[in-house]
Amino acid sequence: MTIEPLGIHGTWLCTSTVWEDDRGSFREWFKKDGIASVTGLDFSVAQANISESKFGVVRGIHYSLATVGQAKWVTCVKGAIRDVVVDVRPSSSTYGQYVAVDLTGGDGQSLLIGAGLGHGFISLEAGSVVSYLLSSSYSPSEEFEINPLDPALGIDWGLPTEKMILSTKDSAAPSLSERSKKNQLPA
C-alpha cells in the first residue's frame, strides 16, 4: 500500500494493489500497522458505516468534537464519488481550505482523514456505495455539520448546484464562519 499526504495536514490518499484474474478481484483494503508506520496514526476501528447514494447526493460536511477524536477511513466500493476534506481547525495554516479526491469503486484508493477535519462527498454515479471506518463511535451531541455550499469554502463538487441533493440538515447547516463564532470547531 502506498500512502501519500495531501494538501491538508492529517489527510492521506492510500492506494493498494487490486489483484484481478478470471475469478474477479482481491484487494488488501486496510492494514492498521502499515498505516501507523507511515502516518503515525494509531487507527483503531470503533464503528463501520456503509452508505448508498443516488446521483448528485451530497453528504457532509461533517466533523466530530469527540474528546477522543474521530479519524475516518473512506472507500468508494461501487460507483464514483468526489470526496472532500475541509480543514476546520482554526489553529491550522490551512484553515478553511479543502482537498478533493475522486474515488471510484475498484480503484484501490481510500482516504485517511485525521481527527478534527470536516468530511463530505458527492455521488457522481447512481448507486454509489461508500464504506467508512471510524476511530470513535457516533455521538450525536459531539457531531457537527457545515453547509457544503458555504460560499467562503468555494468547494468544487463537480456538479452544478441544481443537480445536487442535500439533506435538510446539511442544507440548513451553518457556515464555517458561523461555527467559528459559536466556538463549535476543534480546539
Foldseek 3Di string as FASTA:
>chain_A
DDWDDDPFPQKIKDFWDWAQDPVGTDTPQDDQVVCCVVNVDRFDFDDKDKDWAAAQEKDFQKAFQPPVFKKKKKAWQAAKKWKKKAQLDPVGPRHLEMDIDIHHRPRRIIMIGTGQITIMMGGNHGTTMMMMTMRHDDDPVGMAGAQPVQVSSVDCRVDDPVSHDYDPRNNPGHHSVVCVVVVNGHD
